[in-house]
């Protein structure tokens, strides 16, 4: 039987954090959304949302999209409460000019806390870092689609050629390798698709992390950016983009944790 919990103090969430978040660490939290369907749990998650989030949740016409949105917001709120003395329902967010959510009016104990979210069918992720820039993207790698056409239209030519040169059964994984890296980068920049996807590309090497290359007219520098990829399930691939704060250490250690957002047990 599913039992709804009473509201936990914010300090309880923070106490559950077992490893400090430092400038050279990224914490990645994920949950498999298809496993969370109990009505009592979903009601508890809905109770964490702000009025604006509830309104947006109600507007989704697609049941799956509405479910993924709810779990994304619940994961975000409960994860952030592990780093600061703020109850999950009390977090407030604002969107930057390109729509990226950010913490609004952070309290002193969460100053510098950065996060980024991504979801796809069956998986919701939240990446957390201290200062600098952080971006994450997750994709379902077995979905159908004209991947070569998408690569030709949106990716840099060197990436599209690399995908097309592979055997057909290897093209999807390579496509999503590039795609998640590119999405993670533009999300970390906080500018979304205002950054043309063909103005930057990645060089892949089996023995080292992906390396970013920028077109000469890009308003950025590749120095300082570090990327990581992993496959948390057999169907999902994700990428993380990280640029540390000024003067911070290069690279990062990745701590990956699967979690069921607290609320009901």
Protein backbone atom coordinates (compact mmCIF):
# COMPACT_ATOMS: atom_id res chain seq x y z
CA UNK A 1 0.00 0.00 0.00
CA UNK A 2 1.26 3.50 -0.82
CA UNK A 3 1.34 5.84 2.18
CA UNK A 4 1.68 9.58 1.80
CA UNK A 5 4.30 11.12 4.05
CA UNK A 6 3.81 14.26 6.05
CA UNK A 7 5.84 17.22 4.89
CA UNK A 8 9.49 16.79 5.85
CA UNK A 9 11.61 19.67 7.12
CA UNK A 10 14.07 20.99 4.56
CA UNK A 11 16.94 19.96 6.82
CA UNK A 12 15.87 16.30 6.42
CA UNK A 13 16.52 16.47 2.70
CA UNK A 14 19.88 18.16 3.14
CA UNK A 15 20.88 15.58 5.77
CA UNK A 16 20.33 12.85 3.18
CA UNK A 17 23.17 14.31 1.10
CA UNK A 18 26.22 12.10 1.67
CA UNK A 19 28.87 13.87 -0.40
CA UNK A 20 29.55 17.62 -0.39
CA UNK A 21 29.17 19.53 -3.63
CA UNK A 22 32.46 21.20 -4.53
CA UNK A 23 33.57 23.31 -7.49
CA UNK A 24 35.06 20.25 -9.23
CA UNK A 25 32.03 18.00 -8.71
CA UNK A 26 28.81 17.50 -10.66
CA UNK A 27 25.98 15.51 -9.11
CA UNK A 28 23.60 13.83 -11.54
CA UNK A 29 20.28 12.60 -10.19
CA UNK A 30 17.87 10.55 -12.29
CA UNK A 31 14.62 8.70 -11.97
CA UNK A 32 12.85 6.30 -14.32
CA UNK A 33 9.49 7.91 -14.78
CA UNK A 34 7.63 4.84 -16.00
CA UNK A 35 8.10 3.33 -12.52
CA UNK A 36 6.26 6.19 -10.79
CA UNK A 37 2.55 5.90 -11.47
CA UNK A 38 0.92 5.44 -8.05
CA UNK A 39 -1.87 8.08 -7.71
CA UNK A 40 -0.90 8.93 -4.11
CA UNK A 41 2.70 9.61 -5.15
CA UNK A 42 1.64 11.77 -8.08
CA UNK A 43 -0.71 13.75 -5.84
CA UNK A 44 2.17 14.33 -3.42
CA UNK A 45 4.38 15.58 -6.24
CA UNK A 46 1.62 17.86 -7.50
CA UNK A 47 1.47 19.40 -4.03
CA UNK A 48 5.09 20.55 -4.39
CA UNK A 49 4.42 22.66 -7.48
CA UNK A 50 3.94 26.41 -7.53
CA UNK A 51 0.64 27.80 -8.87
CA UNK A 52 2.31 28.63 -12.20
CA UNK A 53 3.72 25.11 -12.47
CA UNK A 54 0.32 23.61 -11.70
CA UNK A 55 -1.25 25.71 -14.42
CA UNK A 56 1.34 24.59 -16.94
CA UNK A 57 0.95 20.97 -15.81
CA UNK A 58 -2.81 21.14 -16.40
CA UNK A 59 -2.36 22.54 -19.90
CA UNK A 60 -0.56 19.47 -21.27
CA UNK A 61 -2.92 17.57 -23.57
CA UNK A 62 -0.63 14.56 -23.82
CA UNK A 63 -0.75 12.31 -20.73
CA UNK A 64 2.88 11.25 -21.01
CA UNK A 65 4.15 14.82 -21.45
CA UNK A 66 2.12 15.88 -18.42
CA UNK A 67 3.56 13.00 -16.38
CA UNK A 68 7.16 13.76 -17.41
CA UNK A 69 6.70 17.43 -16.57
CA UNK A 70 5.37 16.63 -13.09
CA UNK A 71 8.23 14.27 -12.28
CA UNK A 72 10.80 16.72 -13.64
CA UNK A 73 9.57 19.49 -11.35
CA UNK A 74 9.30 17.13 -8.35
CA UNK A 75 12.81 15.79 -8.94
CA UNK A 76 14.20 19.31 -9.27
CA UNK A 77 12.61 20.56 -6.06
CA UNK A 78 13.45 17.56 -3.88
CA UNK A 79 17.02 17.34 -5.16
CA UNK A 80 17.75 21.04 -4.58
CA UNK A 81 16.51 20.70 -1.01
CA UNK A 82 19.41 18.34 -0.35
CA UNK A 83 21.78 21.27 -0.78
CA UNK A 84 20.01 24.09 1.06
CA UNK A 85 17.62 24.59 3.97
CA UNK A 86 14.66 25.20 1.67
CA UNK A 87 11.63 22.90 1.65
CA UNK A 88 10.83 21.42 -1.79
CA UNK A 89 7.57 23.34 -2.10
CA UNK A 90 9.25 26.63 -1.19
CA UNK A 91 11.68 26.91 -4.11
CA UNK A 92 10.92 29.71 -6.53
CA UNK A 93 12.25 29.89 -10.06
CA UNK A 94 12.54 32.41 -12.83
CA UNK A 95 13.32 31.96 -16.51
CA UNK A 96 16.15 33.80 -18.22
CA UNK A 97 15.46 35.56 -21.51
CA UNK A 98 15.80 32.29 -23.43
CA UNK A 99 13.58 30.32 -21.05
CA UNK A 100 16.11 28.45 -18.90
CA UNK A 101 14.82 28.01 -15.32
CA UNK A 102 17.05 29.39 -12.56
CA UNK A 103 16.73 29.80 -8.82
CA UNK A 104 14.94 33.03 -7.96
CA UNK A 105 16.20 35.04 -4.98
CA UNK A 106 18.49 32.33 -3.60
CA UNK A 107 19.09 32.19 0.14
CA UNK A 108 22.68 32.62 1.42
CA UNK A 109 23.23 28.88 1.88
CA UNK A 110 22.41 28.12 -1.76
CA UNK A 111 24.26 31.00 -3.39
CA UNK A 112 26.06 29.73 -6.46
CA UNK A 113 23.93 26.59 -6.71
CA UNK A 114 23.32 25.79 -10.38
CA UNK A 115 21.11 23.12 -11.90
CA UNK A 116 19.84 21.90 -15.23
CA UNK A 117 17.03 19.52 -16.15
CA UNK A 118 16.20 17.18 -18.99
CA UNK A 119 13.59 14.53 -19.64
CA UNK A 120 12.60 12.11 -22.32
CA UNK A 121 10.31 9.12 -22.48
CA UNK A 122 11.04 7.02 -19.40
CA UNK A 123 13.82 9.11 -17.81
CA UNK A 124 14.10 12.41 -15.92
CA UNK A 125 17.47 13.90 -14.90
CA UNK A 126 18.73 16.80 -12.81
CA UNK A 127 22.37 17.93 -12.86
CA UNK A 128 23.65 20.10 -10.00
CA UNK A 129 26.90 22.07 -9.74
CA UNK A 130 28.38 24.89 -7.68
CA UNK A 131 29.04 28.02 -9.72
CA UNK A 132 29.98 28.15 -13.38
CA UNK A 133 27.74 26.65 -16.04
CA UNK A 134 26.02 23.26 -16.20
CA UNK A 135 23.88 21.64 -18.89
CA UNK A 136 22.43 18.17 -19.33
CA UNK A 137 20.50 16.44 -22.08
CA UNK A 138 19.00 12.95 -22.19
CA UNK A 139 17.60 11.22 -25.25
CA UNK A 140 15.83 7.97 -26.07
CA UNK A 141 18.22 6.31 -28.51
CA UNK A 142 15.87 3.71 -30.00
CA UNK A 143 13.24 6.14 -31.25
CA UNK A 144 12.44 6.18 -34.95
CA UNK A 145 13.19 9.10 -37.23
CA UNK A 146 15.11 10.29 -40.27
CA UNK A 147 18.34 10.81 -38.37
CA UNK A 148 20.55 11.37 -41.40
CA UNK A 149 18.20 14.08 -42.67
CA UNK A 150 18.23 15.78 -39.26
CA UNK A 151 22.02 15.59 -39.12
CA UNK A 152 22.37 17.07 -42.61
CA UNK A 153 19.96 19.89 -41.79
CA UNK A 154 21.05 20.90 -38.31
CA UNK A 155 24.48 19.55 -37.44
CA UNK A 156 27.90 20.72 -38.52
CA UNK A 157 29.02 19.07 -41.80
CA UNK A 158 31.86 17.17 -40.09
CA UNK A 159 29.37 15.54 -37.70
CA UNK A 160 26.85 14.71 -40.44
CA UNK A 161 29.59 13.11 -42.55
CA UNK A 162 30.83 11.06 -39.60
CA UNK A 163 27.34 9.67 -38.95
CA UNK A 164 26.70 8.86 -42.63
CA UNK A 165 30.03 7.01 -42.93
CA UNK A 166 29.04 4.46 -40.29
CA UNK A 167 27.15 1.20 -40.91
CA UNK A 168 23.37 1.72 -40.62
CA UNK A 169 23.15 -0.15 -37.31
CA UNK A 170 25.70 2.21 -35.73
CA UNK A 171 24.30 5.50 -36.98
CA UNK A 172 21.65 6.06 -34.31
CA UNK A 173 24.07 5.83 -31.39
CA UNK A 174 26.53 8.18 -33.09
CA UNK A 175 23.75 10.62 -33.94
CA UNK A 176 22.57 10.79 -30.33
CA UNK A 177 26.14 11.01 -29.10
CA UNK A 178 26.50 14.25 -31.02
CA UNK A 179 22.96 15.43 -30.33
CA UNK A 180 23.13 15.09 -26.54
CA UNK A 181 26.52 16.84 -26.45
CA UNK A 182 25.21 19.72 -28.54
CA UNK A 183 22.03 20.08 -26.50
CA UNK A 184 23.95 19.95 -23.22
CA UNK A 185 26.26 22.72 -24.45
CA UNK A 186 23.52 25.11 -25.56
CA UNK A 187 21.60 24.44 -22.35
CA UNK A 188 24.70 25.19 -20.27
CA UNK A 189 25.08 28.46 -22.18
CA UNK A 190 21.47 29.21 -21.25
CA UNK A 191 20.66 30.37 -24.76
CA UNK A 192 18.87 27.38 -26.25
CA UNK A 193 18.43 27.19 -29.99
CA UNK A 194 19.42 30.82 -30.43
CA UNK A 195 22.86 29.20 -30.86
CA UNK A 196 22.94 27.58 -34.34
CA UNK A 197 23.75 23.88 -34.05
CA UNK A 198 26.02 23.99 -37.10
CA UNK A 199 28.26 26.71 -35.60
CA UNK A 200 29.99 24.30 -33.22
CA UNK A 201 30.89 20.65 -33.36
CA UNK A 202 32.54 17.88 -31.42
CA UNK A 203 35.57 15.72 -32.08
CA UNK A 204 35.13 12.22 -30.70
CA UNK A 205 37.93 9.99 -29.49
CA UNK A 206 37.35 6.64 -27.82
CA UNK A 207 40.23 7.28 -25.42
CA UNK A 208 39.32 10.80 -24.26
CA UNK A 209 36.28 13.02 -23.62
CA UNK A 210 34.57 14.76 -26.50
CA UNK A 211 36.29 17.98 -27.55
CA UNK A 212 34.39 21.14 -28.47
CA UNK A 213 35.27 23.14 -31.59
CA UNK A 214 33.68 26.55 -32.26
CA UNK A 215 33.22 28.43 -35.51
CA UNK A 216 35.24 31.70 -35.61
CA UNK A 217 32.10 33.85 -35.27
CA UNK A 218 30.86 32.10 -32.12
CA UNK A 219 30.75 34.34 -29.05
CA UNK A 220 32.51 31.86 -26.77
CA UNK A 221 35.76 30.01 -26.29
CA UNK A 222 36.17 26.24 -26.12
CA UNK A 223 38.73 26.53 -23.34
CA UNK A 224 37.38 25.44 -19.99
CA UNK A 225 34.49 23.35 -21.28
CA UNK A 226 34.42 19.68 -20.25
CA UNK A 227 31.93 17.05 -21.36
CA UNK A 228 30.89 13.63 -20.12
CA UNK A 229 28.49 11.02 -21.43
CA UNK A 230 26.88 7.95 -19.96
CA UNK A 231 24.13 5.48 -20.69
CA UNK A 232 22.03 5.08 -17.51
CA UNK A 233 19.75 2.51 -19.18
CA UNK A 234 19.91 0.43 -22.33
CA UNK A 235 17.56 2.90 -24.05
CA UNK A 236 18.89 6.26 -22.87
CA UNK A 237 22.01 8.31 -23.53
CA UNK A 238 22.86 11.53 -21.76
CA UNK A 239 25.55 14.19 -21.90
CA UNK A 240 26.74 16.78 -19.40
CA UNK A 241 28.44 20.06 -20.28
CA UNK A 242 30.36 21.88 -17.58
CA UNK A 243 32.33 25.11 -17.42
CA UNK A 244 33.67 25.89 -13.93
CA UNK A 245 33.53 29.34 -12.37
CA UNK A 246 36.37 31.73 -13.19
CA UNK A 247 39.56 30.43 -11.61
CA UNK A 248 37.97 27.08 -10.82
CA UNK A 249 39.58 23.71 -11.52
CA UNK A 250 39.34 22.28 -15.03
CA UNK A 251 37.26 19.15 -15.51
CA UNK A 252 34.90 17.60 -12.99
CA UNK A 253 34.16 14.45 -11.05
CA UNK A 254 30.74 13.00 -11.80
CA UNK A 255 28.62 11.47 -9.04
CA UNK A 256 25.58 9.63 -10.48
CA UNK A 257 22.63 8.73 -8.29
CA UNK A 258 19.33 7.06 -9.09
CA UNK A 259 16.54 8.35 -6.86
CA UNK A 260 12.80 8.19 -6.32
CA UNK A 261 11.73 11.73 -5.40
CA UNK A 262 10.59 11.75 -1.74
CA UNK A 263 6.93 12.32 -1.08
CA UNK A 264 5.36 8.90 -0.80
CA UNK A 265 6.74 5.50 0.24
